[in-house]
């Protein structure tokens, strides 16, 4: 007799879907938390090389906000019964590789790393967060909307280009390198973590067109940032 294939009943399917959603949510929060930690480290390093005392204070403030984001995400993970350290662990390699491949050579490249590199990552998180529970989505949106220092970065990069127009070409190349590395790591993380893949694909299953549109939006947002910096027509 042929083997009988047992089809899970509706409650079992619902339970499995709920667990996938929880796993994806924890993954998303873990990625955001580790991203905040590494952004804090980068801002602290860049602050040491800031040209003025006022610039040092601004970067220190920006770094402090990353700590606040980390703590808020940790609290939400606790509400979900997840541990911060365990949630961050799967993302060490991807983030560390990104940082290793995108070390700024000077002050202006460091500012672009904050605005362009971190901005791309935040856009990715925002796309994934559209499929999580309302409480988590509200937290993610609030954390990612903290862009109070964007004007600071844009002003300083534009001033640097005005002072020496020759740096524009180098910074434009740097921006492309940042987004290339960020896109590569985002795709890698999405593939490696089944929970994030589930969120990215949507609750209804695989939608390749929707995923393609997601990454197209990420690239479009990146281009908009470069235009604001005066590095793209």
N, C-alpha and C. Protein backbone atom coordinates (compact mmCIF):
# COMPACT_ATOMS: atom_id res chain seq x y z
N UNK A 1 0.84 -1.19 0.00
CA UNK A 1 0.00 0.00 0.00
C UNK A 1 0.88 1.25 0.00
N UNK A 2 0.49 2.29 -0.70
CA UNK A 2 1.29 3.52 -0.70
C UNK A 2 1.27 4.18 0.67
N UNK A 3 2.36 4.90 0.95
CA UNK A 3 2.42 5.61 2.22
C UNK A 3 1.32 6.65 2.29
N UNK A 4 0.76 6.80 3.46
CA UNK A 4 -0.28 7.81 3.67
C UNK A 4 0.38 9.10 4.13
N UNK A 5 0.12 10.17 3.40
CA UNK A 5 0.67 11.48 3.77
C UNK A 5 -0.29 12.18 4.69
N UNK A 6 0.15 12.45 5.88
CA UNK A 6 -0.71 13.11 6.84
C UNK A 6 -0.64 14.63 6.63
N UNK A 7 -1.78 15.22 6.48
CA UNK A 7 -1.87 16.67 6.30
C UNK A 7 -2.15 17.31 7.65
N UNK A 8 -1.27 18.22 8.10
CA UNK A 8 -1.49 18.85 9.41
C UNK A 8 -2.84 19.55 9.46
N UNK A 9 -3.50 19.45 10.61
CA UNK A 9 -4.77 20.14 10.75
C UNK A 9 -4.54 21.63 10.91
N UNK A 10 -5.61 22.39 10.85
CA UNK A 10 -5.49 23.84 10.87
C UNK A 10 -4.82 24.37 12.13
N UNK A 11 -5.18 23.88 13.33
CA UNK A 11 -4.49 24.37 14.53
C UNK A 11 -2.99 24.14 14.48
N UNK A 12 -2.57 22.96 13.94
CA UNK A 12 -1.14 22.67 13.87
C UNK A 12 -0.45 23.63 12.91
N UNK A 13 -1.09 23.90 11.76
CA UNK A 13 -0.51 24.84 10.81
C UNK A 13 -0.43 26.23 11.41
N UNK A 14 -1.46 26.62 12.13
CA UNK A 14 -1.47 27.95 12.76
C UNK A 14 -0.37 28.07 13.81
N UNK A 15 -0.17 26.99 14.57
CA UNK A 15 0.88 26.99 15.59
C UNK A 15 2.25 27.10 14.94
N UNK A 16 2.45 26.35 13.84
CA UNK A 16 3.73 26.40 13.14
C UNK A 16 3.98 27.79 12.56
N UNK A 17 2.93 28.39 11.98
CA UNK A 17 3.07 29.73 11.43
C UNK A 17 3.38 30.75 12.52
N UNK A 18 2.74 30.57 13.67
CA UNK A 18 3.00 31.48 14.79
C UNK A 18 4.42 31.39 15.29
N UNK A 19 4.96 30.17 15.32
CA UNK A 19 6.34 29.99 15.76
C UNK A 19 7.32 30.57 14.75
N UNK A 20 7.02 30.43 13.46
CA UNK A 20 7.87 31.03 12.44
C UNK A 20 7.89 32.54 12.56
N UNK A 21 6.71 33.11 12.84
CA UNK A 21 6.61 34.55 13.00
C UNK A 21 7.41 35.02 14.21
N UNK A 22 7.31 34.28 15.31
CA UNK A 22 8.06 34.65 16.51
C UNK A 22 9.55 34.55 16.25
N UNK A 23 9.99 33.48 15.58
CA UNK A 23 11.41 33.30 15.28
C UNK A 23 11.91 34.44 14.41
N UNK A 24 11.12 34.81 13.40
CA UNK A 24 11.51 35.91 12.54
C UNK A 24 11.57 37.23 13.28
N UNK A 25 10.63 37.43 14.19
CA UNK A 25 10.62 38.67 14.98
C UNK A 25 11.85 38.77 15.87
N UNK A 26 12.20 37.66 16.51
CA UNK A 26 13.39 37.65 17.36
C UNK A 26 14.64 37.89 16.51
N UNK A 27 14.68 37.28 15.33
CA UNK A 27 15.82 37.51 14.43
C UNK A 27 15.93 38.99 14.05
N UNK A 28 14.80 39.58 13.70
CA UNK A 28 14.81 40.99 13.32
C UNK A 28 15.33 41.86 14.45
N UNK A 29 14.81 41.63 15.65
CA UNK A 29 15.25 42.42 16.80
C UNK A 29 16.71 42.16 17.13
N UNK A 30 17.14 40.91 16.97
CA UNK A 30 18.55 40.59 17.21
C UNK A 30 19.46 41.31 16.24
N UNK A 31 19.05 41.39 14.97
CA UNK A 31 19.85 42.09 13.97
C UNK A 31 19.90 43.58 14.27
N UNK A 32 18.76 44.16 14.64
CA UNK A 32 18.74 45.58 14.97
C UNK A 32 19.62 45.86 16.19
N UNK A 33 19.55 45.00 17.19
CA UNK A 33 20.34 45.19 18.40
C UNK A 33 21.83 45.13 18.10
N UNK A 34 22.24 44.12 17.33
CA UNK A 34 23.68 44.02 17.04
C UNK A 34 24.12 45.15 16.12
N UNK A 35 23.22 45.57 15.22
CA UNK A 35 23.53 46.72 14.39
C UNK A 35 23.73 47.98 15.21
N UNK A 36 22.90 48.16 16.24
CA UNK A 36 23.05 49.32 17.12
C UNK A 36 24.37 49.26 17.88
N UNK A 37 24.75 48.06 18.32
CA UNK A 37 26.00 47.90 19.05
C UNK A 37 27.20 48.25 18.17
N UNK A 38 27.21 47.73 16.94
CA UNK A 38 28.34 48.01 16.06
C UNK A 38 28.34 49.46 15.58
N UNK A 39 27.16 50.06 15.42
CA UNK A 39 27.10 51.47 15.06
C UNK A 39 27.65 52.33 16.19
N UNK A 40 27.34 51.95 17.43
CA UNK A 40 27.90 52.65 18.58
C UNK A 40 29.44 52.62 18.55
N UNK A 41 29.98 51.45 18.27
CA UNK A 41 31.44 51.31 18.22
C UNK A 41 32.04 52.17 17.12
N UNK A 42 31.40 52.17 15.95
CA UNK A 42 31.90 52.96 14.83
C UNK A 42 31.84 54.45 15.15
N UNK A 43 30.72 54.91 15.71
CA UNK A 43 30.58 56.33 16.04
C UNK A 43 31.60 56.76 17.09
N UNK A 44 31.86 55.88 18.05
CA UNK A 44 32.85 56.20 19.08
C UNK A 44 34.24 56.34 18.45
N UNK A 45 34.57 55.46 17.51
CA UNK A 45 35.86 55.56 16.83
C UNK A 45 35.95 56.82 15.98
N UNK A 46 34.88 57.10 15.24
CA UNK A 46 34.89 58.29 14.39
C UNK A 46 34.94 59.56 15.21
N UNK A 47 34.30 59.54 16.39
CA UNK A 47 34.33 60.71 17.24
C UNK A 47 35.73 61.09 17.68
N UNK A 48 36.58 60.08 17.83
CA UNK A 48 37.96 60.36 18.24
C UNK A 48 38.72 61.15 17.18
N UNK A 49 38.30 61.00 15.92
CA UNK A 49 38.98 61.72 14.84
C UNK A 49 38.22 62.92 14.33
N UNK A 50 37.18 63.33 15.04
CA UNK A 50 36.39 64.49 14.61
C UNK A 50 37.23 65.75 14.66
N UNK A 51 37.05 66.65 13.69
CA UNK A 51 37.93 67.83 13.61
C UNK A 51 37.70 68.89 14.67
N UNK A 52 36.50 68.97 15.26
CA UNK A 52 36.23 70.01 16.26
C UNK A 52 35.59 69.38 17.49
N UNK A 53 35.63 70.14 18.58
CA UNK A 53 35.02 69.67 19.81
C UNK A 53 33.51 69.50 19.64
N UNK A 54 32.88 70.41 18.92
CA UNK A 54 31.44 70.32 18.68
C UNK A 54 31.11 69.04 17.91
N UNK A 55 31.95 68.70 16.95
CA UNK A 55 31.73 67.46 16.18
C UNK A 55 31.87 66.24 17.08
N UNK A 56 32.83 66.28 17.98
CA UNK A 56 33.01 65.17 18.92
C UNK A 56 31.77 64.98 19.78
N UNK A 57 31.21 66.08 20.25
CA UNK A 57 30.02 66.02 21.10
C UNK A 57 28.85 65.45 20.31
N UNK A 58 28.69 65.88 19.07
CA UNK A 58 27.58 65.39 18.25
C UNK A 58 27.69 63.89 18.03
N UNK A 59 28.88 63.40 17.67
CA UNK A 59 29.03 61.97 17.45
C UNK A 59 28.87 61.18 18.74
N UNK A 60 29.29 61.76 19.86
CA UNK A 60 29.09 61.08 21.15
C UNK A 60 27.59 60.96 21.45
N UNK A 61 26.84 62.01 21.12
CA UNK A 61 25.39 61.97 21.31
C UNK A 61 24.75 60.92 20.41
N UNK A 62 25.20 60.85 19.17
CA UNK A 62 24.69 59.85 18.24
C UNK A 62 24.99 58.44 18.74
N UNK A 63 26.18 58.26 19.28
CA UNK A 63 26.55 56.95 19.82
C UNK A 63 25.67 56.59 21.01
N UNK A 64 25.40 57.59 21.85
CA UNK A 64 24.55 57.35 23.01
C UNK A 64 23.15 56.91 22.63
N UNK A 65 22.64 57.44 21.54
CA UNK A 65 21.31 57.04 21.10
C UNK A 65 21.29 55.58 20.63
N UNK A 66 22.40 55.12 20.10
CA UNK A 66 22.48 53.70 19.71
C UNK A 66 22.36 52.80 20.94
N UNK A 67 22.93 53.22 22.05
CA UNK A 67 22.80 52.46 23.29
C UNK A 67 21.35 52.43 23.75
N UNK A 68 20.68 53.57 23.61
CA UNK A 68 19.26 53.63 23.97
C UNK A 68 18.43 52.68 23.10
N UNK A 69 18.73 52.65 21.81
CA UNK A 69 18.02 51.73 20.90
C UNK A 69 18.26 50.28 21.32
N UNK A 70 19.50 49.97 21.65
CA UNK A 70 19.86 48.62 22.07
C UNK A 70 19.06 48.21 23.30
N UNK A 71 18.95 49.10 24.26
CA UNK A 71 18.24 48.79 25.50
C UNK A 71 16.75 48.59 25.25
N UNK A 72 16.18 49.38 24.37
CA UNK A 72 14.75 49.25 24.09
C UNK A 72 14.45 47.94 23.36
N UNK A 73 15.33 47.57 22.45
CA UNK A 73 15.15 46.29 21.76
C UNK A 73 15.33 45.14 22.74
N UNK A 74 16.28 45.26 23.63
CA UNK A 74 16.48 44.23 24.65
C UNK A 74 15.22 44.03 25.48
N UNK A 75 14.57 45.13 25.85
CA UNK A 75 13.34 45.02 26.64
C UNK A 75 12.24 44.31 25.86
N UNK A 76 12.12 44.61 24.58
CA UNK A 76 11.09 43.96 23.77
C UNK A 76 11.39 42.47 23.61
N UNK A 77 12.64 42.13 23.45
CA UNK A 77 13.02 40.72 23.37
C UNK A 77 12.64 40.00 24.65
N UNK A 78 12.85 40.66 25.79
CA UNK A 78 12.46 40.07 27.06
C UNK A 78 10.97 39.81 27.14
N UNK A 79 10.19 40.73 26.61
CA UNK A 79 8.73 40.54 26.59
C UNK A 79 8.33 39.34 25.74
N UNK A 80 9.16 39.03 24.74
CA UNK A 80 8.89 37.89 23.87
C UNK A 80 9.52 36.60 24.40
N UNK A 81 10.15 36.69 25.58
CA UNK A 81 10.78 35.51 26.17
C UNK A 81 12.09 35.14 25.52
N UNK A 82 12.76 36.11 24.89
CA UNK A 82 14.02 35.85 24.20
C UNK A 82 15.16 36.58 24.91
N UNK A 83 16.36 36.05 24.76
CA UNK A 83 17.55 36.62 25.38
C UNK A 83 18.31 37.48 24.37
N UNK A 84 18.74 38.66 24.79
CA UNK A 84 19.42 39.59 23.90
C UNK A 84 20.68 38.97 23.28
N UNK A 85 21.52 38.35 24.10
CA UNK A 85 22.78 37.81 23.60
C UNK A 85 22.54 36.71 22.59
N UNK A 86 21.60 35.84 22.88
CA UNK A 86 21.29 34.76 21.95
C UNK A 86 20.70 35.30 20.66
N UNK A 87 19.89 36.34 20.76
CA UNK A 87 19.27 36.92 19.57
C UNK A 87 20.30 37.60 18.67
N UNK A 88 21.34 38.20 19.26
CA UNK A 88 22.35 38.90 18.47
C UNK A 88 23.38 37.97 17.85
N UNK A 89 23.63 36.84 18.48
CA UNK A 89 24.73 35.96 18.08
C UNK A 89 24.73 35.59 16.60
N UNK A 90 23.59 35.23 15.99
CA UNK A 90 23.64 34.81 14.58
C UNK A 90 24.10 35.90 13.61
N UNK A 91 24.16 37.15 14.07
CA UNK A 91 24.46 38.24 13.16
C UNK A 91 25.88 38.79 13.30
N UNK A 92 26.66 38.17 14.19
CA UNK A 92 28.03 38.64 14.40
C UNK A 92 28.81 38.67 13.09
N UNK A 93 28.80 37.55 12.38
CA UNK A 93 29.67 37.44 11.21
C UNK A 93 29.29 38.43 10.12
N UNK A 94 27.99 38.52 9.81
CA UNK A 94 27.56 39.42 8.74
C UNK A 94 27.94 40.87 9.04
N UNK A 95 27.65 41.32 10.25
CA UNK A 95 27.96 42.70 10.61
C UNK A 95 29.46 42.93 10.70
N UNK A 96 30.17 41.98 11.30
CA UNK A 96 31.61 42.15 11.43
C UNK A 96 32.29 42.16 10.07
N UNK A 97 31.79 41.34 9.13
CA UNK A 97 32.33 41.35 7.77
C UNK A 97 32.06 42.69 7.11
N UNK A 98 30.85 43.21 7.30
CA UNK A 98 30.51 44.51 6.71
C UNK A 98 31.45 45.59 7.23
N UNK A 99 31.69 45.59 8.52
CA UNK A 99 32.59 46.60 9.11
C UNK A 99 34.02 46.41 8.63
N UNK A 100 34.45 45.16 8.52
CA UNK A 100 35.82 44.90 8.07
C UNK A 100 36.04 45.36 6.64
N UNK A 101 35.01 45.27 5.80
CA UNK A 101 35.13 45.62 4.39
C UNK A 101 34.83 47.09 4.12
N UNK A 102 34.38 47.82 5.13
CA UNK A 102 33.99 49.22 4.91
C UNK A 102 34.58 50.11 6.00
N UNK A 103 35.87 50.01 6.19
CA UNK A 103 36.52 50.88 7.18
C UNK A 103 36.79 52.25 6.57
N UNK A 104 36.22 53.32 7.13
CA UNK A 104 36.45 54.66 6.57
C UNK A 104 37.92 55.06 6.67
N UNK A 105 38.37 55.77 5.65
CA UNK A 105 39.76 56.24 5.66
C UNK A 105 39.90 57.61 6.29
N UNK A 106 38.80 58.36 6.35
CA UNK A 106 38.89 59.71 6.91
C UNK A 106 37.53 60.12 7.47
N UNK A 107 37.48 61.36 7.92
CA UNK A 107 36.29 61.91 8.57
C UNK A 107 35.07 61.88 7.66
N UNK A 108 35.22 62.30 6.41
CA UNK A 108 34.08 62.34 5.51
C UNK A 108 33.56 60.95 5.18
N UNK A 109 34.44 59.99 4.98
CA UNK A 109 33.99 58.63 4.73
C UNK A 109 33.28 58.06 5.96
N UNK A 110 33.75 58.44 7.14
CA UNK A 110 33.09 57.99 8.36
C UNK A 110 31.67 58.52 8.47
N UNK A 111 31.49 59.80 8.11
CA UNK A 111 30.15 60.38 8.13
C UNK A 111 29.24 59.68 7.12
N UNK A 112 29.77 59.38 5.96
CA UNK A 112 28.96 58.69 4.96
C UNK A 112 28.61 57.28 5.41
N UNK A 113 29.51 56.65 6.13
CA UNK A 113 29.21 55.31 6.65
C UNK A 113 27.97 55.38 7.54
N UNK A 114 27.90 56.40 8.37
CA UNK A 114 26.76 56.56 9.28
C UNK A 114 25.48 56.79 8.49
N UNK A 115 25.54 57.69 7.53
CA UNK A 115 24.33 58.11 6.81
C UNK A 115 23.91 57.11 5.74
N UNK A 116 24.87 56.62 4.97
CA UNK A 116 24.56 55.74 3.84
C UNK A 116 24.50 54.28 4.25
N UNK A 117 25.55 53.81 4.95
CA UNK A 117 25.59 52.40 5.33
C UNK A 117 24.52 52.04 6.34
N UNK A 118 24.45 52.78 7.42
CA UNK A 118 23.43 52.51 8.43
C UNK A 118 22.04 52.78 7.89
N UNK A 119 21.91 53.78 7.02
CA UNK A 119 20.61 54.09 6.45
C UNK A 119 20.08 52.94 5.61
N UNK A 120 20.95 52.30 4.85
CA UNK A 120 20.52 51.15 4.04
C UNK A 120 20.05 50.02 4.95
N UNK A 121 20.81 49.74 6.01
CA UNK A 121 20.41 48.68 6.94
C UNK A 121 19.06 49.00 7.58
N UNK A 122 18.86 50.25 7.96
CA UNK A 122 17.59 50.63 8.58
C UNK A 122 16.42 50.44 7.61
N UNK A 123 16.65 50.76 6.34
CA UNK A 123 15.59 50.55 5.34
C UNK A 123 15.24 49.07 5.23
N UNK A 124 16.25 48.22 5.29
CA UNK A 124 16.02 46.77 5.22
C UNK A 124 15.18 46.31 6.41
N UNK A 125 15.54 46.77 7.60
CA UNK A 125 14.77 46.39 8.79
C UNK A 125 13.32 46.87 8.68
N UNK A 126 13.14 48.07 8.16
CA UNK A 126 11.79 48.62 8.04
C UNK A 126 10.94 47.78 7.10
N UNK A 127 11.55 47.30 6.02
CA UNK A 127 10.82 46.44 5.08
C UNK A 127 10.39 45.14 5.77
N UNK A 128 11.30 44.53 6.51
CA UNK A 128 10.99 43.27 7.19
C UNK A 128 9.94 43.49 8.27
N UNK A 129 10.00 44.63 8.94
CA UNK A 129 9.11 44.90 10.08
C UNK A 129 7.65 45.08 9.69
N UNK A 130 7.37 45.19 8.39
CA UNK A 130 5.97 45.34 7.99
C UNK A 130 5.16 44.08 8.29
N UNK A 131 5.84 42.96 8.56
CA UNK A 131 5.13 41.69 8.76
C UNK A 131 5.14 41.21 10.22
N UNK A 132 5.65 42.01 11.14
CA UNK A 132 5.69 41.57 12.54
C UNK A 132 4.47 42.09 13.28
N UNK A 133 4.35 41.73 14.55
CA UNK A 133 3.20 42.14 15.35
C UNK A 133 3.22 43.66 15.57
N UNK A 134 2.06 44.25 15.83
CA UNK A 134 1.97 45.71 15.95
C UNK A 134 2.91 46.33 16.98
N UNK A 135 3.07 45.68 18.14
CA UNK A 135 3.92 46.25 19.19
C UNK A 135 5.38 46.30 18.74
N UNK A 136 5.84 45.21 18.13
CA UNK A 136 7.22 45.19 17.65
C UNK A 136 7.40 46.16 16.50
N UNK A 137 6.43 46.21 15.60
CA UNK A 137 6.53 47.12 14.45
C UNK A 137 6.60 48.57 14.92
N UNK A 138 5.81 48.92 15.93
CA UNK A 138 5.84 50.30 16.44
C UNK A 138 7.20 50.63 17.03
N UNK A 139 7.79 49.67 17.75
CA UNK A 139 9.12 49.90 18.34
C UNK A 139 10.16 50.07 17.24
N UNK A 140 10.14 49.18 16.26
CA UNK A 140 11.12 49.26 15.18
C UNK A 140 10.98 50.58 14.43
N UNK A 141 9.77 50.97 14.12
CA UNK A 141 9.56 52.23 13.40
C UNK A 141 10.05 53.42 14.20
N UNK A 142 9.82 53.39 15.50
CA UNK A 142 10.27 54.50 16.34
C UNK A 142 11.78 54.56 16.41
N UNK A 143 12.42 53.40 16.57
CA UNK A 143 13.88 53.35 16.65
C UNK A 143 14.50 53.81 15.32
N UNK A 144 13.95 53.31 14.21
CA UNK A 144 14.52 53.63 12.91
C UNK A 144 14.22 55.05 12.45
N UNK A 145 13.23 55.69 13.06
CA UNK A 145 12.88 57.05 12.67
C UNK A 145 13.77 58.09 13.34
N UNK A 146 14.69 57.64 14.17
CA UNK A 146 15.58 58.56 14.87
C UNK A 146 16.67 59.03 13.91
N UNK A 147 16.34 60.02 13.10
CA UNK A 147 17.26 60.54 12.09
C UNK A 147 17.61 62.00 12.36
N UNK A 148 17.67 62.36 13.62
CA UNK A 148 17.87 63.76 13.98
C UNK A 148 19.21 64.31 13.52
N UNK A 149 20.18 63.43 13.24
CA UNK A 149 21.50 63.93 12.88
C UNK A 149 21.80 63.80 11.39
N UNK A 150 20.79 63.47 10.61
CA UNK A 150 21.00 63.38 9.16
C UNK A 150 21.49 64.72 8.60
N UNK A 151 20.87 65.81 9.06
CA UNK A 151 21.25 67.14 8.56
C UNK A 151 22.71 67.44 8.89
N UNK A 152 23.16 67.00 10.06
CA UNK A 152 24.56 67.20 10.46
C UNK A 152 25.50 66.54 9.46
N UNK A 153 25.20 65.29 9.09
CA UNK A 153 26.05 64.56 8.16
C UNK A 153 26.02 65.23 6.79
N UNK A 154 24.84 65.53 6.29
CA UNK A 154 24.71 66.13 4.96
C UNK A 154 25.45 67.46 4.90
N UNK A 155 25.29 68.27 5.92
CA UNK A 155 25.95 69.59 5.95
C UNK A 155 27.47 69.44 5.89
N UNK A 156 28.01 68.51 6.67
CA UNK A 156 29.46 68.37 6.73
C UNK A 156 30.03 67.74 5.46
N UNK A 157 29.33 66.78 4.89
CA UNK A 157 29.83 66.17 3.65
C UNK A 157 29.78 67.18 2.52
N UNK A 158 28.69 67.93 2.41
CA UNK A 158 28.59 68.95 1.36
C UNK A 158 29.66 70.02 1.54
N UNK A 159 29.92 70.39 2.79
CA UNK A 159 30.96 71.40 3.05
C UNK A 159 32.33 70.87 2.65
N UNK A 160 32.56 69.58 2.91
CA UNK A 160 33.83 68.97 2.52
C UNK A 160 34.02 68.96 1.03
N UNK A 161 32.94 68.69 0.29
CA UNK A 161 33.01 68.68 -1.17
C UNK A 161 33.22 70.09 -1.70
N UNK A 162 32.55 71.06 -1.10
CA UNK A 162 32.71 72.45 -1.53
C UNK A 162 34.14 72.94 -1.29
N UNK A 163 34.73 72.50 -0.17
CA UNK A 163 36.09 72.92 0.14
C UNK A 163 37.10 72.27 -0.80
N UNK A 164 36.81 71.05 -1.23
CA UNK A 164 37.72 70.34 -2.14
C UNK A 164 36.87 69.48 -3.08
N UNK A 165 36.45 70.04 -4.22
CA UNK A 165 35.57 69.31 -5.15
C UNK A 165 36.16 67.98 -5.62
N UNK A 166 37.47 67.80 -5.50
CA UNK A 166 38.09 66.56 -5.96
C UNK A 166 37.64 65.35 -5.14
N UNK A 167 37.17 65.58 -3.92
CA UNK A 167 36.77 64.44 -3.08
C UNK A 167 35.42 63.87 -3.49
N UNK A 168 34.67 64.59 -4.31
CA UNK A 168 33.33 64.13 -4.67
C UNK A 168 33.37 62.78 -5.37
N UNK A 169 34.29 62.61 -6.31
CA UNK A 169 34.39 61.34 -7.03
C UNK A 169 34.72 60.19 -6.10
N UNK A 170 35.65 60.44 -5.18
CA UNK A 170 36.03 59.39 -4.23
C UNK A 170 34.86 59.03 -3.32
N UNK A 171 34.14 60.03 -2.86
CA UNK A 171 33.02 59.76 -1.97
C UNK A 171 31.87 59.07 -2.70
N UNK A 172 31.67 59.40 -3.97
CA UNK A 172 30.63 58.71 -4.74
C UNK A 172 30.98 57.22 -4.87
N UNK A 173 32.24 56.92 -5.14
CA UNK A 173 32.68 55.52 -5.21
C UNK A 173 32.51 54.84 -3.86
N UNK A 174 32.81 55.57 -2.79
CA UNK A 174 32.66 55.03 -1.45
C UNK A 174 31.20 54.71 -1.15
N UNK A 175 30.31 55.59 -1.59
CA UNK A 175 28.88 55.34 -1.40
C UNK A 175 28.43 54.08 -2.12
N UNK A 176 28.92 53.87 -3.34
CA UNK A 176 28.56 52.66 -4.08
C UNK A 176 29.12 51.42 -3.40
N UNK A 177 30.32 51.54 -2.86
CA UNK A 177 30.91 50.41 -2.15
C UNK A 177 30.11 50.07 -0.90
N UNK A 178 29.69 51.09 -0.18
CA UNK A 178 28.90 50.86 1.03
C UNK A 178 27.61 50.12 0.72
N UNK A 179 26.89 50.58 -0.31
CA UNK A 179 25.61 49.96 -0.59
C UNK A 179 25.81 48.56 -1.17
N UNK A 180 26.89 48.35 -1.93
CA UNK A 180 27.17 47.02 -2.45
C UNK A 180 27.40 46.02 -1.33
N UNK A 181 28.21 46.42 -0.36
CA UNK A 181 28.48 45.54 0.78
C UNK A 181 27.22 45.34 1.63
N UNK A 182 26.47 46.42 1.85
CA UNK A 182 25.25 46.32 2.66
C UNK A 182 24.23 45.42 1.99
N UNK A 183 24.08 45.56 0.67
CA UNK A 183 23.13 44.72 -0.06
C UNK A 183 23.53 43.26 0.00
N UNK A 184 24.82 43.01 -0.16
CA UNK A 184 25.32 41.63 -0.10
C UNK A 184 25.05 41.00 1.26
N UNK A 185 25.33 41.74 2.33
CA UNK A 185 25.13 41.19 3.67
C UNK A 185 23.65 41.05 4.00
N UNK A 186 22.82 41.98 3.53
CA UNK A 186 21.37 41.87 3.77
C UNK A 186 20.81 40.62 3.10
N UNK A 187 21.23 40.36 1.87
CA UNK A 187 20.77 39.17 1.17
C UNK A 187 21.26 37.91 1.87
N UNK A 188 22.49 37.95 2.33
CA UNK A 188 23.08 36.80 3.03
C UNK A 188 22.32 36.50 4.31
N UNK A 189 22.02 37.53 5.08
CA UNK A 189 21.29 37.34 6.34
C UNK A 189 19.89 36.81 6.07
N UNK A 190 19.24 37.38 5.04
CA UNK A 190 17.87 36.96 4.73
C UNK A 190 17.82 35.49 4.32
N UNK A 191 18.86 35.03 3.64
CA UNK A 191 18.90 33.62 3.20
C UNK A 191 19.25 32.70 4.35
N UNK A 192 20.21 33.13 5.18
CA UNK A 192 20.71 32.26 6.26
C UNK A 192 19.71 32.07 7.39
N UNK A 193 18.86 33.05 7.62
CA UNK A 193 17.94 33.00 8.76
C UNK A 193 16.53 32.74 8.25
N UNK A 194 16.03 31.53 8.49
CA UNK A 194 14.72 31.14 7.97
C UNK A 194 13.61 32.07 8.47
N UNK A 195 13.74 32.52 9.72
CA UNK A 195 12.71 33.40 10.27
C UNK A 195 12.62 34.71 9.53
N UNK A 196 13.79 35.30 9.22
CA UNK A 196 13.80 36.55 8.46
C UNK A 196 13.29 36.32 7.05
N UNK A 197 13.65 35.18 6.47
CA UNK A 197 13.17 34.85 5.13
C UNK A 197 11.64 34.81 5.11
N UNK A 198 11.06 34.20 6.13
CA UNK A 198 9.60 34.12 6.23
C UNK A 198 8.99 35.52 6.28
N UNK A 199 9.57 36.40 7.08
CA UNK A 199 9.05 37.75 7.18
C UNK A 199 9.22 38.50 5.86
N UNK A 200 10.37 38.34 5.24
CA UNK A 200 10.65 39.06 4.00
C UNK A 200 9.74 38.59 2.88
N UNK A 201 9.46 37.29 2.85
CA UNK A 201 8.60 36.74 1.80
C UNK A 201 7.12 37.05 2.05
N UNK A 202 6.78 37.31 3.30
CA UNK A 202 5.39 37.57 3.63
C UNK A 202 4.70 36.34 4.14
N UNK A 203 3.66 36.55 4.88
CA UNK A 203 2.97 35.44 5.54
C UNK A 203 2.30 34.50 4.55
N UNK A 204 2.02 34.96 3.34
CA UNK A 204 1.31 34.15 2.38
C UNK A 204 2.23 33.24 1.57
N UNK A 205 3.53 33.30 1.84
CA UNK A 205 4.46 32.42 1.13
C UNK A 205 5.38 33.20 0.21
N UNK A 206 6.14 32.47 -0.61
CA UNK A 206 7.16 33.07 -1.44
C UNK A 206 6.53 33.98 -2.50
N UNK A 207 6.99 35.21 -2.56
CA UNK A 207 6.57 36.16 -3.58
C UNK A 207 7.85 36.82 -4.11
N UNK A 208 8.41 36.19 -5.14
CA UNK A 208 9.69 36.65 -5.67
C UNK A 208 9.59 38.08 -6.18
N UNK A 209 8.47 38.41 -6.80
CA UNK A 209 8.30 39.77 -7.33
C UNK A 209 8.32 40.78 -6.20
N UNK A 210 7.63 40.47 -5.11
CA UNK A 210 7.59 41.39 -3.97
C UNK A 210 8.98 41.58 -3.37
N UNK A 211 9.73 40.49 -3.26
CA UNK A 211 11.09 40.59 -2.71
C UNK A 211 11.96 41.43 -3.62
N UNK A 212 11.84 41.22 -4.93
CA UNK A 212 12.61 42.02 -5.89
C UNK A 212 12.28 43.50 -5.76
N UNK A 213 11.00 43.80 -5.56
CA UNK A 213 10.60 45.19 -5.38
C UNK A 213 11.15 45.77 -4.09
N UNK A 214 11.22 44.93 -3.06
CA UNK A 214 11.79 45.38 -1.79
C UNK A 214 13.22 45.85 -1.98
N UNK A 215 14.04 45.02 -2.62
CA UNK A 215 15.44 45.40 -2.81
C UNK A 215 15.58 46.56 -3.79
N UNK A 216 14.65 46.69 -4.73
CA UNK A 216 14.67 47.85 -5.62
C UNK A 216 14.42 49.13 -4.83
N UNK A 217 13.49 49.06 -3.87
CA UNK A 217 13.22 50.24 -3.02
C UNK A 217 14.45 50.59 -2.18
N UNK A 218 15.16 49.59 -1.71
CA UNK A 218 16.36 49.85 -0.92
C UNK A 218 17.39 50.61 -1.76
N UNK A 219 17.57 50.18 -2.99
CA UNK A 219 18.53 50.84 -3.87
C UNK A 219 18.06 52.26 -4.21
N UNK A 220 16.77 52.43 -4.43
CA UNK A 220 16.23 53.77 -4.73
C UNK A 220 16.44 54.72 -3.55
N UNK A 221 16.22 54.23 -2.34
CA UNK A 221 16.43 55.07 -1.15
C UNK A 221 17.90 55.45 -1.02
N UNK A 222 18.77 54.51 -1.36
CA UNK A 222 20.21 54.80 -1.32
C UNK A 222 20.56 55.91 -2.31
N UNK A 223 20.01 55.82 -3.52
CA UNK A 223 20.27 56.85 -4.52
C UNK A 223 19.78 58.22 -4.04
N UNK A 224 18.65 58.24 -3.35
CA UNK A 224 18.13 59.50 -2.83
C UNK A 224 19.09 60.10 -1.80
N UNK A 225 19.69 59.25 -0.98
CA UNK A 225 20.66 59.75 0.00
C UNK A 225 21.88 60.35 -0.70
N UNK A 226 22.36 59.67 -1.73
CA UNK A 226 23.51 60.21 -2.46
C UNK A 226 23.18 61.54 -3.11
N UNK A 227 21.96 61.67 -3.63
CA UNK A 227 21.56 62.95 -4.23
C UNK A 227 21.54 64.05 -3.17
N UNK A 228 21.07 63.73 -1.98
CA UNK A 228 21.03 64.73 -0.92
C UNK A 228 22.44 65.17 -0.53
N UNK A 229 23.39 64.24 -0.66
CA UNK A 229 24.77 64.58 -0.36
C UNK A 229 25.45 65.31 -1.52
N UNK A 230 24.76 65.41 -2.64
CA UNK A 230 25.33 66.05 -3.81
C UNK A 230 26.27 65.14 -4.59
N UNK A 231 26.08 63.82 -4.45
CA UNK A 231 27.00 62.88 -5.09
C UNK A 231 26.34 62.09 -6.22
N UNK A 232 25.11 62.45 -6.57
CA UNK A 232 24.44 61.76 -7.67
C UNK A 232 23.46 62.72 -8.31
N UNK A 233 23.40 62.74 -9.67
CA UNK A 233 22.50 63.68 -10.35
C UNK A 233 21.05 63.45 -9.96
